[in-house]
Amino acid sequence: MAEDITRQSGPLDILVNASGIGIIKPLEQLSLEEFQQTLQGNLTAAFLLVKAFLPGMKEGKKGLIINIPGVLGKVPMAGAAAYSASKYGLVGMMQCIREEVKRTEIRITNLYLGGVDSPFWDTIDLRVQKERMIRAEEAARAIWFLCQQPLSGVVSEMVLQPFNHQAI
């Protein structure tokens, strides 16, 4: 896929890593398969994307990578051991890659979104108030905002979350 895209369009200017699978359940109910599935979807997939597209950015010495670890990549929550492990891993991996590219104009941003009204919540057994969540269009505007920042600097991280979306 990366070779086809690069051949057709040249190296990417912007890579938005918004992959995500959410399995939210207490550790004693979490299977090894679910834990590994979460790591595959949230961490390994991001690794493969960055590994595929970063060489073109390095060659051009510029680019923007936006990762969306979600707020559970910053602040833990009961029942989110697998999800948080994968998203904390994403943050750590990208911090290391930021060190590898610091002599280039490749910028790396983590956008910590919380509670976006999307199909992500359809399979999660957690009482939430979707009407109080961030709308997908608002999340997209935050991503667009990050894409428009001047090349002379980088927004290392941004947090956007609703006031409260867990059911009372």
Protein backbone atom coordinates (compact mmCIF):
# COMPACT_ATOMS: atom_id res chain seq x y z
CA MET A 1 0.00 0.00 0.00
CA ALA A 2 2.71 2.48 0.98
CA GLU A 3 4.67 1.78 -2.21
CA ASP A 4 1.56 2.32 -4.37
CA ILE A 5 0.69 5.59 -2.64
CA THR A 6 4.27 6.87 -2.82
CA ARG A 7 4.56 5.89 -6.48
CA GLN A 8 1.30 7.68 -7.36
CA SER A 9 1.61 10.77 -5.16
CA GLY A 10 5.18 10.97 -3.87
CA PRO A 11 6.06 10.93 -0.17
CA LEU A 12 3.28 11.76 2.27
CA ASP A 13 3.18 15.24 3.73
CA ILE A 14 0.80 14.21 6.52
CA LEU A 15 0.09 10.83 8.12
CA VAL A 16 -2.86 10.63 10.51
CA ASN A 17 -2.75 7.48 12.60
CA ALA A 18 -6.30 7.05 13.88
CA SER A 19 -6.44 3.27 14.19
CA GLY A 20 -8.16 1.94 17.21
CA ILE A 21 -9.88 -1.01 18.77
CA GLY A 22 -11.39 -0.75 22.20
CA ILE A 23 -11.89 -3.64 24.56
CA ILE A 24 -12.85 -2.24 27.93
CA LYS A 25 -13.30 -4.84 30.66
CA PRO A 26 -11.73 -5.74 34.02
CA LEU A 27 -8.44 -7.61 33.84
CA GLU A 28 -9.88 -10.88 35.18
CA GLN A 29 -12.40 -10.89 32.30
CA LEU A 30 -9.82 -9.94 29.65
CA SER A 31 -8.47 -12.84 27.60
CA LEU A 32 -4.94 -13.03 26.25
CA GLU A 33 -6.43 -13.04 22.74
CA GLU A 34 -8.29 -9.77 23.44
CA PHE A 35 -5.17 -8.21 24.92
CA GLN A 36 -3.09 -9.19 21.88
CA GLN A 37 -5.85 -8.07 19.49
CA THR A 38 -5.82 -4.65 21.14
CA LEU A 39 -2.03 -4.36 20.88
CA GLN A 40 -2.20 -5.41 17.22
CA GLY A 41 -4.89 -2.89 16.32
CA ASN A 42 -3.61 0.07 18.33
CA LEU A 43 0.15 -0.32 18.48
CA THR A 44 1.40 -2.75 15.85
CA ALA A 45 -0.77 -1.17 13.13
CA ALA A 46 0.66 2.26 13.97
CA PHE A 47 4.18 0.81 13.92
CA LEU A 48 3.61 -0.64 10.46
CA LEU A 49 2.16 2.61 9.09
CA VAL A 50 4.99 4.75 10.41
CA LYS A 51 7.60 2.20 9.29
CA ALA A 52 6.12 2.26 5.78
CA PHE A 53 5.78 6.04 5.37
CA LEU A 54 8.57 7.51 7.52
CA PRO A 55 11.39 6.71 5.04
CA GLY A 56 9.81 9.00 2.43
CA MET A 57 9.41 11.75 5.00
CA LYS A 58 13.02 11.26 6.12
CA GLU A 59 14.21 11.46 2.54
CA GLY A 60 12.42 14.79 2.11
CA LYS A 61 13.34 15.78 5.69
CA LYS A 62 9.79 17.01 6.34
CA GLY A 63 6.31 15.80 7.19
CA LEU A 64 3.69 15.66 9.91
CA ILE A 65 2.59 12.56 11.79
CA ILE A 66 -0.54 12.93 13.92
CA ASN A 67 -1.28 10.09 16.31
CA ILE A 68 -4.56 9.79 18.16
CA PRO A 69 -3.85 7.83 21.33
CA GLY A 70 -7.02 9.02 23.05
CA VAL A 71 -7.11 10.27 26.60
CA LEU A 72 -6.58 6.72 27.86
CA GLY A 73 -3.07 7.00 26.41
CA LYS A 74 -2.46 9.72 28.97
CA VAL A 75 -4.70 8.95 31.95
CA PRO A 76 -5.63 5.41 33.04
CA MET A 77 -9.15 4.16 33.64
CA ALA A 78 -10.36 1.05 35.46
CA GLY A 79 -11.09 -1.72 32.98
CA ALA A 80 -8.87 -0.30 30.26
CA ALA A 81 -5.64 -2.24 30.86
CA ALA A 82 -5.28 -3.50 27.29
CA TYR A 83 -6.42 -0.28 25.64
CA SER A 84 -4.23 1.95 27.82
CA ALA A 85 -1.23 -0.36 27.42
CA SER A 86 -1.54 -0.11 23.65
CA LYS A 87 -2.01 3.66 23.64
CA TYR A 88 0.73 4.34 26.23
CA GLY A 89 2.93 2.16 24.03
CA LEU A 90 2.01 4.29 21.01
CA VAL A 91 2.99 7.44 22.89
CA GLY A 92 6.32 5.94 23.98
CA MET A 93 7.10 4.63 20.51
CA MET A 94 6.40 8.01 18.92
CA GLN A 95 8.54 9.82 21.52
CA CYS A 96 11.45 7.58 20.51
CA ILE A 97 10.81 8.20 16.81
CA ARG A 98 10.65 11.95 17.53
CA GLU A 99 14.21 11.64 18.86
CA GLU A 100 15.27 9.79 15.69
CA VAL A 101 13.99 12.56 13.42
CA LYS A 102 14.77 15.62 15.52
CA ARG A 103 17.35 16.90 13.01
CA THR A 104 14.68 17.03 10.29
CA GLU A 105 11.48 19.01 9.89
CA ILE A 106 9.34 15.95 10.58
CA ARG A 107 6.83 16.94 13.23
CA ILE A 108 5.05 14.45 15.47
CA THR A 109 1.86 15.34 17.35
CA ASN A 110 -0.26 13.33 19.76
CA LEU A 111 -3.92 14.31 19.77
CA TYR A 112 -5.55 12.99 22.93
CA LEU A 113 -9.22 12.76 22.03
CA GLY A 114 -11.72 11.61 24.59
CA GLY A 115 -15.27 10.56 24.05
CA VAL A 116 -15.81 11.06 20.32
CA ASP A 117 -19.29 10.03 19.15
CA SER A 118 -18.31 7.35 16.64
CA PRO A 119 -18.94 3.64 15.98
CA PHE A 120 -15.97 2.97 18.32
CA TRP A 121 -18.47 2.90 21.23
CA ASP A 122 -20.92 0.48 19.60
CA THR A 123 -19.16 -2.63 20.91
CA ILE A 124 -17.98 -1.29 24.27
CA ASP A 125 -19.99 -2.32 27.31
CA LEU A 126 -19.76 0.98 29.16
CA ARG A 127 -22.56 3.36 30.03
CA VAL A 128 -21.85 6.58 28.17
CA GLN A 129 -23.89 9.54 27.02
CA LYS A 130 -23.14 9.81 23.31
CA GLU A 131 -25.08 13.08 23.06
CA ARG A 132 -22.47 14.66 25.37
CA MET A 133 -19.48 13.41 23.41
CA ILE A 134 -17.36 15.33 20.94
CA ARG A 135 -18.84 15.10 17.46
CA ALA A 136 -16.67 13.50 14.78
CA GLU A 137 -16.72 16.77 12.83
CA GLU A 138 -15.23 18.59 15.84
CA ALA A 139 -12.46 15.98 16.11
CA ALA A 140 -11.78 16.43 12.38
CA ARG A 141 -11.49 20.20 12.89
CA ALA A 142 -8.89 19.60 15.61
CA ILE A 143 -6.89 17.43 13.19
CA TRP A 144 -7.21 20.10 10.48
CA PHE A 145 -6.01 22.74 12.99
CA LEU A 146 -2.88 20.67 13.66
CA CYS A 147 -2.25 20.30 9.92
CA GLN A 148 -2.27 24.07 9.48
CA GLN A 149 0.38 24.92 12.05
CA PRO A 150 3.52 26.67 10.79
CA LEU A 151 6.51 24.56 9.81
CA SER A 152 8.68 26.53 12.23
CA GLY A 153 7.19 24.73 15.23
CA VAL A 154 5.24 21.71 16.36
CA VAL A 155 2.29 21.16 18.65
CA SER A 156 3.67 18.16 20.52
CA GLU A 157 0.35 17.29 22.07
CA MET A 158 -3.21 18.49 22.27
CA VAL A 159 -6.07 17.28 24.48
CA LEU A 160 -9.69 17.60 23.37
CA GLN A 161 -12.36 15.95 25.47
CA PRO A 162 -15.99 16.55 26.37
CA PHE A 163 -16.90 18.03 29.70
CA ASN A 164 -18.40 14.71 30.81
CA HIS A 165 -19.81 11.77 28.87
CA GLN A 166 -19.97 8.92 31.34
CA ALA A 167 -23.45 8.14 32.54
CA ILE A 168 -24.28 9.12 36.07
